[in-house]
Amino acid sequence: GIQGIVDAYRQILPQIQLYGPTNFSPITNHVAGFAAHSLEQGTAAQYFILLIITDREITDLDQTRQAIVNASKLPMSIIIVGVGEADF
């Protein structure tokens, strides 16, 4: 559940270093590729959820916006969660 995700995030956060730039379009396009392939199979047996947790503003906003538009007809959802002090 959600609490499990929050707990895992809090547990791992001290062990990683967050850095930029914060480009979301590459990962969005990558997951969209999986969703597109699933859609081509014609079975609609898979649905993809891309969860991005970020501590910074998006640095490739125009490309990310276009990637989201391109993915909008695919069997996927994109959730972006901003944490920290940045202006999201």
Protein backbone atom coordinates (compact mmCIF):
# COMPACT_ATOMS: atom_id res chain seq x y z
CA GLY A 1 0.00 0.00 0.00
CA ILE A 2 0.87 3.67 0.11
CA GLN A 3 2.37 3.42 3.59
CA GLY A 4 4.70 0.69 2.35
CA ILE A 5 5.91 2.96 -0.44
CA VAL A 6 6.48 5.82 2.02
CA ASP A 7 8.31 3.52 4.44
CA ALA A 8 10.56 2.14 1.67
CA TYR A 9 11.32 5.69 0.48
CA ARG A 10 12.25 6.85 3.99
CA GLN A 11 14.42 3.78 4.52
CA ILE A 12 16.41 4.13 1.29
CA LEU A 13 16.69 7.94 1.17
CA PRO A 14 19.69 8.21 3.55
CA GLN A 15 21.59 5.73 1.37
CA ILE A 16 21.24 7.53 -1.98
CA GLN A 17 22.40 10.83 -3.40
CA LEU A 18 19.85 12.82 -5.36
CA TYR A 19 21.15 14.97 -8.22
CA GLY A 20 20.10 16.66 -11.43
CA PRO A 21 19.28 17.43 -14.09
CA THR A 22 15.74 16.23 -13.57
CA ASN A 23 14.71 14.90 -16.98
CA PHE A 24 11.47 12.91 -16.96
CA SER A 25 10.94 12.46 -20.70
CA PRO A 26 13.45 9.58 -21.10
CA ILE A 27 11.81 7.39 -18.43
CA THR A 28 8.32 8.38 -19.57
CA ASN A 29 9.12 7.39 -23.14
CA HIS A 30 10.76 4.16 -21.96
CA VAL A 31 7.72 3.02 -19.98
CA ALA A 32 5.44 4.19 -22.81
CA GLY A 33 7.34 1.79 -25.06
CA PHE A 34 6.38 -1.12 -22.81
CA ALA A 35 2.76 0.07 -22.74
CA ALA A 36 2.68 0.46 -26.54
CA HIS A 37 4.04 -3.06 -26.98
CA SER A 38 1.39 -4.39 -24.61
CA LEU A 39 -1.31 -2.56 -26.56
CA GLU A 40 -0.05 -4.07 -29.81
CA GLN A 41 -0.61 -7.54 -28.36
CA GLY A 42 -4.33 -6.81 -28.36
CA THR A 43 -5.02 -8.56 -25.09
CA ALA A 44 -5.06 -5.48 -22.80
CA ALA A 45 -3.69 -7.77 -20.12
CA GLN A 46 -1.13 -5.28 -18.80
CA TYR A 47 -1.43 -1.79 -17.36
CA PHE A 48 1.60 0.27 -16.39
CA ILE A 49 1.95 2.82 -13.60
CA LEU A 50 4.99 5.08 -13.65
CA LEU A 51 5.61 6.62 -10.22
CA ILE A 52 8.24 9.35 -10.17
CA ILE A 53 9.30 10.79 -6.82
CA THR A 54 11.37 13.93 -7.31
CA ASP A 55 13.07 16.52 -5.16
CA ARG A 56 13.59 18.99 -7.99
CA GLU A 57 11.72 20.85 -10.69
CA ILE A 58 11.50 19.19 -14.10
CA THR A 59 14.33 20.45 -16.31
CA ASP A 60 12.98 19.09 -19.60
CA LEU A 61 9.42 20.32 -19.14
CA ASP A 62 8.53 20.70 -22.84
CA GLN A 63 9.84 17.23 -23.71
CA THR A 64 8.13 15.71 -20.67
CA ARG A 65 4.86 17.40 -21.57
CA GLN A 66 5.10 15.95 -25.10
CA ALA A 67 5.98 12.49 -23.76
CA ILE A 68 2.90 12.57 -21.52
CA VAL A 69 0.68 13.63 -24.44
CA ASN A 70 2.14 10.82 -26.58
CA ALA A 71 1.48 8.30 -23.79
CA SER A 72 -2.05 9.51 -23.09
CA LYS A 73 -3.69 6.85 -25.29
CA LEU A 74 -1.65 3.99 -23.85
CA PRO A 75 -2.58 1.65 -20.99
CA MET A 76 -0.54 3.57 -18.42
CA SER A 77 -0.75 6.20 -15.72
CA ILE A 78 1.96 8.64 -14.71
CA ILE A 79 2.17 9.91 -11.15
CA ILE A 80 4.74 12.57 -10.27
CA VAL A 81 5.23 13.35 -6.58
CA GLY A 82 7.35 16.30 -5.51
CA VAL A 83 9.09 16.15 -2.13
CA GLY A 84 11.17 18.78 -0.42
CA GLU A 85 11.50 22.52 -0.80
CA ALA A 86 11.45 22.91 -4.61
CA ASP A 87 8.79 24.96 -6.40
CA PHE A 88 6.76 22.17 -7.97
